Amino acid sequence: MTNPPRLTSVPEGLIHCPITPFTASNIIDLDVFAQVVEFLLRQDPAALCVNLHLAESLNLSLEERKQLAKTCVEISAGRAPIIINVSTPGTDHAIELARHAAEIDADSVMAIAPYYWKPPQDGIYEHFAEILSATDLPFIGYNSPTIMDGVGISPDTLTRLLERFPHFIGVKDASHNWEVFLELGRAARKIKPEFGLFVGTEWMIPSLTLGGKTCMSVFGGIAPNFVKSLYMETTEGNLEAALELQYKFSELYQIIKVEYPAPTKAMWEIMGRPVGAPRRPQRAVSAEGKKMMAAALERLGLLDTEPHGW
């Protein structure tokens, strides 16, 4: 068994997510990945989460995902907790990735409900229970029914899991449905008041004022100062200032959600941090598209206030 994990609850603050850089030959560029991780660590994150969909995990082999997870843990060297996303449609593959996360001394694992197969809630319960039983690492569920074929965690399923597994510490809710968010929170707090419910993008005003504990950032590698300001203004109760920043985020989100996550790679490049093209079937943003993105970043005042280069 691994050393005792340092992450025993969902951390408060911003969780940043390394993107996966590829070479012109379509292989992972580990040298650039190291730059990505170091850049995000300098932003003082509450944690890093590796192998998310932002990182094109659906286009990575299990061995590539293990390689990225191990590299991130080694580079971080305890400077920030490392959460490993082990989401796969198949339970056995998720278990394999979770056990690997324990072997490399990661701090936590996260898994989404098994998409595509569309199991009933009993099947979703069994999927999570098998992953939770495979390792004692703190576990974070991932709920994204809007994107993942309607497959998500119900409040009753969450309750059953919390009653059985004390190391189930939180849920990342990407339902974009505040009723779902509140119902998951209402179910969790009856059993575990410290349970960490949070969102997967920078919708900070609604999530943090409705009991959310943190935010998993999409823009942390693009505009870290902006993201930090939005978080601070919201948590400090300066809602008028926070709302102006939230509107800026919403405008940016309309751009990156089209053919996501390819536009995020284009924005990393615009900010002087090139990470290569996405893997197929994702398409690289055109030169004209990058001009439009750069104009949006300039209009929103982010080109002059955010770090450029590594």
Protein backbone atom coordinates (compact mmCIF):
# COMPACT_ATOMS: atom_id res chain seq x y z
CA MET A 1 0.00 0.00 0.00
CA THR A 2 1.14 3.55 -0.63
CA ASN A 3 2.17 6.17 1.87
CA PRO A 4 -0.76 7.95 3.57
CA PRO A 5 -2.27 10.40 1.07
CA ARG A 6 -1.87 14.10 1.80
CA LEU A 7 -5.24 15.00 0.31
CA THR A 8 -7.97 14.02 2.77
CA SER A 9 -10.67 16.41 1.56
CA VAL A 10 -11.38 18.45 -1.55
CA PRO A 11 -9.06 21.47 -1.26
CA GLU A 12 -10.39 25.00 -1.25
CA GLY A 13 -9.01 27.11 -4.06
CA LEU A 14 -8.35 26.57 -7.75
CA ILE A 15 -7.56 23.15 -9.18
CA HIS A 16 -5.55 23.51 -12.38
CA CYS A 17 -5.50 20.92 -15.14
CA PRO A 18 -2.43 20.17 -17.29
CA ILE A 19 -3.06 20.02 -21.01
CA THR A 20 -1.42 17.30 -23.12
CA PRO A 21 1.13 18.57 -25.66
CA PHE A 22 1.88 16.57 -28.80
CA THR A 23 4.78 16.72 -31.22
CA ALA A 24 4.37 17.08 -34.98
CA SER A 25 4.59 13.27 -35.06
CA ASN A 26 1.53 13.01 -32.80
CA ILE A 27 3.35 11.63 -29.77
CA ILE A 28 3.28 13.13 -26.27
CA ASP A 29 5.93 15.81 -25.84
CA LEU A 30 7.11 15.17 -22.29
CA ASP A 31 9.52 18.12 -22.33
CA VAL A 32 6.68 20.52 -23.06
CA PHE A 33 4.43 18.67 -20.61
CA ALA A 34 7.02 19.40 -17.92
CA GLN A 35 6.78 23.10 -18.85
CA VAL A 36 2.99 22.92 -18.63
CA VAL A 37 3.13 21.40 -15.14
CA GLU A 38 5.77 23.85 -13.91
CA PHE A 39 3.79 26.81 -15.23
CA LEU A 40 0.63 25.65 -13.45
CA LEU A 41 2.52 24.97 -10.22
CA ARG A 42 3.76 28.57 -10.23
CA GLN A 43 0.13 29.72 -10.12
CA ASP A 44 -0.14 28.34 -6.56
CA PRO A 45 -2.96 25.86 -7.25
CA ALA A 46 -4.92 24.03 -4.58
CA ALA A 47 -4.18 20.89 -6.62
CA LEU A 48 -3.49 19.65 -10.14
CA CYS A 49 -5.78 17.19 -11.91
CA VAL A 50 -4.16 15.07 -14.63
CA ASN A 51 -5.73 13.36 -17.66
CA LEU A 52 -9.01 15.22 -17.81
CA HIS A 53 -11.00 15.57 -21.02
CA LEU A 54 -9.29 18.96 -21.35
CA ALA A 55 -6.10 16.90 -21.67
CA GLU A 56 -7.67 14.75 -24.41
CA SER A 57 -7.74 11.69 -22.18
CA LEU A 58 -10.25 10.02 -24.49
CA ASN A 59 -7.56 10.00 -27.20
CA LEU A 60 -4.81 8.62 -24.95
CA SER A 61 -3.91 4.99 -24.39
CA LEU A 62 -3.84 3.62 -20.85
CA GLU A 63 -0.04 3.54 -20.98
CA GLU A 64 0.10 7.17 -22.09
CA ARG A 65 -2.21 8.16 -19.26
CA LYS A 66 -0.01 6.31 -16.78
CA GLN A 67 3.06 8.04 -18.20
CA LEU A 68 1.53 11.49 -17.81
CA ALA A 69 0.29 10.73 -14.29
CA LYS A 70 3.69 9.47 -13.15
CA THR A 71 5.51 12.40 -14.75
CA CYS A 72 3.22 14.94 -13.09
CA VAL A 73 3.66 13.35 -9.65
CA GLU A 74 7.43 13.34 -10.09
CA ILE A 75 7.61 16.96 -11.28
CA SER A 76 5.30 18.22 -8.55
CA ALA A 77 7.36 16.51 -5.86
CA GLY A 78 4.85 17.42 -3.17
CA ARG A 79 4.40 21.07 -4.19
CA ALA A 80 0.69 20.49 -4.85
CA PRO A 81 -1.66 17.53 -4.40
CA ILE A 82 -2.08 15.51 -7.61
CA ILE A 83 -5.50 14.15 -8.56
CA ILE A 84 -5.54 11.51 -11.30
CA ASN A 85 -8.59 11.25 -13.52
CA VAL A 86 -9.13 7.51 -14.09
CA SER A 87 -12.39 7.83 -16.02
CA THR A 88 -13.09 5.19 -18.66
CA PRO A 89 -16.32 3.57 -19.89
CA GLY A 90 -15.05 0.21 -18.63
CA THR A 91 -14.72 -0.57 -14.93
CA ASP A 92 -11.61 -2.76 -15.29
CA HIS A 93 -9.62 -0.04 -17.06
CA ALA A 94 -10.63 2.53 -14.43
CA ILE A 95 -9.48 0.15 -11.69
CA GLU A 96 -6.16 -0.37 -13.46
CA LEU A 97 -5.58 3.37 -13.63
CA ALA A 98 -6.64 3.86 -10.00
CA ARG A 99 -4.22 1.19 -8.79
CA HIS A 100 -1.46 2.80 -10.83
CA ALA A 101 -2.27 6.15 -9.21
CA ALA A 102 -1.78 4.53 -5.80
CA GLU A 103 1.51 2.95 -6.91
CA ILE A 104 2.96 6.32 -7.95
CA ASP A 105 1.84 8.02 -4.72
CA ALA A 106 -0.77 10.29 -6.24
CA ASP A 107 -3.02 12.02 -3.72
CA SER A 108 -6.47 11.25 -5.09
CA VAL A 109 -8.34 9.72 -8.01
CA MET A 110 -11.41 10.92 -9.86
CA ALA A 111 -13.82 8.95 -12.07
CA ILE A 112 -16.87 9.73 -14.16
CA ALA A 113 -19.97 7.58 -14.43
CA PRO A 114 -19.51 4.91 -17.15
CA TYR A 115 -20.65 6.67 -20.30
CA TYR A 116 -21.80 5.16 -23.61
CA TRP A 117 -23.09 1.95 -22.02
CA LYS A 118 -25.80 3.89 -20.16
CA PRO A 119 -26.07 1.59 -17.12
CA PRO A 120 -28.91 2.06 -14.60
CA GLN A 121 -28.14 3.60 -11.23
CA ASP A 122 -27.35 0.16 -9.75
CA GLY A 123 -24.72 -0.28 -12.46
CA ILE A 124 -23.29 3.18 -11.78
CA TYR A 125 -23.14 2.33 -8.08
CA GLU A 126 -21.28 -0.92 -8.79
CA HIS A 127 -18.83 0.86 -11.14
CA PHE A 128 -17.89 3.42 -8.50
CA ALA A 129 -17.88 0.84 -5.70
CA GLU A 130 -15.37 -1.32 -7.58
CA ILE A 131 -13.03 1.66 -8.12
CA LEU A 132 -13.40 2.77 -4.50
CA SER A 133 -12.63 -0.77 -3.31
CA ALA A 134 -9.48 -0.99 -5.44
CA THR A 135 -7.54 1.65 -3.51
CA ASP A 136 -7.84 3.70 -0.35
CA LEU A 137 -6.86 6.91 -2.13
CA PRO A 138 -9.38 9.72 -1.57
CA PHE A 139 -11.96 9.47 -4.33
CA ILE A 140 -13.77 12.23 -6.25
CA GLY A 141 -16.79 11.39 -8.38
CA TYR A 142 -17.35 13.13 -11.69
CA ASN A 143 -20.89 13.90 -12.81
CA SER A 144 -21.42 15.04 -16.40
CA PRO A 145 -24.76 13.73 -17.68
CA THR A 146 -25.21 16.50 -20.26
CA ILE A 147 -22.10 15.49 -22.18
CA MET A 148 -21.93 11.80 -21.32
CA ASP A 149 -25.12 10.47 -22.91
CA GLY A 150 -27.30 11.36 -19.93
CA VAL A 151 -25.34 9.08 -17.57
CA GLY A 152 -24.89 10.67 -14.16
CA ILE A 153 -24.91 10.09 -10.42
CA SER A 154 -28.28 10.33 -8.70
CA PRO A 155 -28.56 11.66 -5.13
CA ASP A 156 -29.64 8.18 -3.97
CA THR A 157 -26.59 6.56 -5.57
CA LEU A 158 -24.34 9.17 -3.99
CA THR A 159 -25.92 8.48 -0.61
CA ARG A 160 -25.33 4.73 -0.91
CA LEU A 161 -21.67 5.27 -1.80
CA LEU A 162 -21.06 7.75 1.01
CA GLU A 163 -22.59 5.39 3.55
CA ARG A 164 -20.14 2.66 2.52
CA PHE A 165 -16.92 4.47 1.59
CA PRO A 166 -15.46 7.08 3.97
CA HIS A 167 -12.73 8.00 1.46
CA PHE A 168 -15.31 9.32 -1.01
CA ILE A 169 -14.53 13.03 -0.51
CA GLY A 170 -16.23 14.97 -3.27
CA VAL A 171 -17.98 15.30 -6.63
CA LYS A 172 -17.08 17.42 -9.62
CA ASP A 173 -20.46 18.31 -11.10
CA ALA A 174 -20.42 19.28 -14.77
CA SER A 175 -24.16 18.92 -15.28
CA HIS A 176 -24.58 22.67 -15.85
CA ASN A 177 -27.83 22.22 -13.95
CA TRP A 178 -28.05 23.99 -10.60
CA GLU A 179 -30.95 21.83 -9.43
CA VAL A 180 -28.75 18.75 -9.91
CA PHE A 181 -25.89 20.54 -8.12
CA LEU A 182 -28.07 21.41 -5.13
CA GLU A 183 -29.67 17.98 -4.88
CA LEU A 184 -26.27 16.27 -4.86
CA GLY A 185 -25.12 18.69 -2.19
CA ARG A 186 -28.28 18.20 -0.14
CA ALA A 187 -27.84 14.42 -0.22
CA ALA A 188 -24.14 14.55 0.67
CA ARG A 189 -24.36 16.96 3.60
CA LYS A 190 -26.75 14.65 5.48
CA ILE A 191 -23.97 12.07 5.73
CA LYS A 192 -20.75 14.05 5.30
CA PRO A 193 -21.06 17.80 6.00
CA GLU A 194 -17.48 18.39 4.82
CA PHE A 195 -18.14 16.72 1.44
CA GLY A 196 -16.61 18.76 -1.38
CA LEU A 197 -18.99 19.55 -4.23
CA PHE A 198 -17.60 21.72 -7.02
CA VAL A 199 -17.93 22.57 -10.71
CA GLY A 200 -15.62 21.76 -13.60
CA THR A 201 -15.48 25.20 -15.21
CA GLU A 202 -15.25 28.74 -13.92
CA TRP A 203 -18.95 29.27 -13.12
CA MET A 204 -17.82 30.55 -9.76
CA ILE A 205 -20.61 32.87 -8.63
CA PRO A 206 -23.38 30.27 -8.83
CA SER A 207 -21.26 27.34 -7.64
CA LEU A 208 -19.45 28.99 -4.73
CA THR A 209 -22.57 30.74 -3.46
CA LEU A 210 -24.52 27.46 -3.62
CA GLY A 211 -22.10 25.59 -1.40
CA GLY A 212 -19.36 24.70 -3.86
CA LYS A 213 -15.94 24.28 -2.30
CA THR A 214 -13.53 24.85 -5.16
CA CYS A 215 -13.30 25.18 -8.94
CA MET A 216 -11.57 22.99 -11.49
CA SER A 217 -10.21 25.55 -13.89
CA VAL A 218 -10.23 25.37 -17.69
CA PHE A 219 -8.52 28.76 -18.10
CA GLY A 220 -5.85 28.37 -15.41
CA GLY A 221 -3.17 27.84 -18.05
CA ILE A 222 -4.45 30.61 -20.31
CA ALA A 223 -5.35 33.50 -18.01
CA PRO A 224 -4.37 32.53 -14.44
CA ASN A 225 -4.56 36.08 -13.06
CA PHE A 226 -8.10 36.49 -14.38
CA VAL A 227 -9.20 33.15 -12.93
CA LYS A 228 -7.66 33.96 -9.55
CA SER A 229 -9.38 37.38 -9.49
CA LEU A 230 -12.76 35.81 -10.26
CA TYR A 231 -12.27 33.31 -7.45
CA MET A 232 -11.11 35.93 -4.91
CA GLU A 233 -13.85 38.46 -5.70
CA THR A 234 -16.48 35.73 -5.38
CA THR A 235 -15.20 34.21 -2.14
CA GLU A 236 -14.71 37.64 -0.57
CA GLY A 237 -18.31 38.58 -1.35
CA ASN A 238 -17.53 41.33 -3.88
CA LEU A 239 -20.30 40.13 -6.14
CA GLU A 240 -20.57 43.24 -8.32
CA ALA A 241 -16.90 42.99 -9.29
CA ALA A 242 -17.17 39.21 -9.53
CA LEU A 243 -20.15 39.50 -11.88
CA GLU A 244 -18.17 41.62 -14.34
CA LEU A 245 -15.49 38.96 -14.39
CA GLN A 246 -18.09 36.19 -14.66
CA TYR A 247 -19.49 37.86 -17.78
CA LYS A 248 -15.98 37.89 -19.28
CA PHE A 249 -15.63 34.21 -18.56
CA SER A 250 -18.99 33.50 -20.17
CA GLU A 251 -17.86 35.24 -23.35
CA LEU A 252 -14.67 33.18 -23.41
CA TYR A 253 -16.58 29.99 -22.70
CA GLN A 254 -18.75 30.49 -25.79
CA ILE A 255 -15.52 30.35 -27.82
CA ILE A 256 -13.80 27.36 -26.24
CA LYS A 257 -16.86 25.10 -25.98
CA VAL A 258 -17.04 24.74 -29.78
CA GLU A 259 -14.97 21.68 -30.74
CA TYR A 260 -13.60 21.59 -27.20
CA PRO A 261 -10.80 21.15 -26.19
CA ALA A 262 -9.03 22.26 -29.40
CA PRO A 263 -9.68 26.00 -28.78
CA THR A 264 -7.93 25.82 -25.40
CA LYS A 265 -4.73 24.68 -27.13
CA ALA A 266 -4.99 27.61 -29.52
CA MET A 267 -5.32 30.01 -26.57
CA TRP A 268 -2.28 28.49 -24.85
CA GLU A 269 -0.37 29.22 -28.08
CA ILE A 270 -1.69 32.80 -28.28
CA MET A 271 -0.37 33.36 -24.76
CA GLY A 272 3.09 32.20 -25.83
CA ARG A 273 2.84 28.64 -24.54
CA PRO A 274 2.54 26.38 -27.63
CA VAL A 275 1.41 22.83 -26.90
CA GLY A 276 0.90 21.47 -30.40
CA ALA A 277 -2.25 20.42 -32.22
CA PRO A 278 -4.95 18.17 -30.76
CA ARG A 279 -5.22 14.54 -31.72
CA ARG A 280 -7.74 13.45 -34.34
CA PRO A 281 -10.65 13.59 -34.67
CA GLN A 282 -10.19 16.97 -32.97
CA ARG A 283 -9.12 19.64 -35.46
CA ALA A 284 -6.59 22.37 -34.90
CA VAL A 285 -7.99 25.90 -34.86
CA SER A 286 -7.40 27.72 -38.14
CA ALA A 287 -5.20 30.81 -38.45
CA GLU A 288 -8.36 32.88 -38.86
CA GLY A 289 -9.85 31.31 -35.76
CA LYS A 290 -6.74 32.15 -33.75
CA LYS A 291 -6.98 35.78 -34.89
CA MET A 292 -10.57 35.88 -33.64
CA MET A 293 -9.52 34.40 -30.30
CA ALA A 294 -6.64 36.85 -29.91
CA ALA A 295 -9.02 39.72 -30.64
CA ALA A 296 -11.41 38.44 -27.96
CA LEU A 297 -8.61 38.15 -25.40
CA GLU A 298 -7.48 41.68 -26.22
CA ARG A 299 -11.02 43.08 -26.07
CA LEU A 300 -11.45 41.54 -22.63
CA GLY A 301 -8.17 43.05 -21.43
CA LEU A 302 -6.42 39.74 -20.93
CA LEU A 303 -3.52 40.05 -23.36
CA ASP A 304 -1.95 42.83 -21.28
CA THR A 305 -2.66 41.45 -17.80
CA GLU A 306 -1.71 37.80 -18.16
CA PRO A 307 1.70 36.10 -18.33
CA HIS A 308 3.15 35.41 -21.77
CA GLY A 309 5.51 32.52 -22.41
CA TRP A 310 6.64 29.88 -19.98
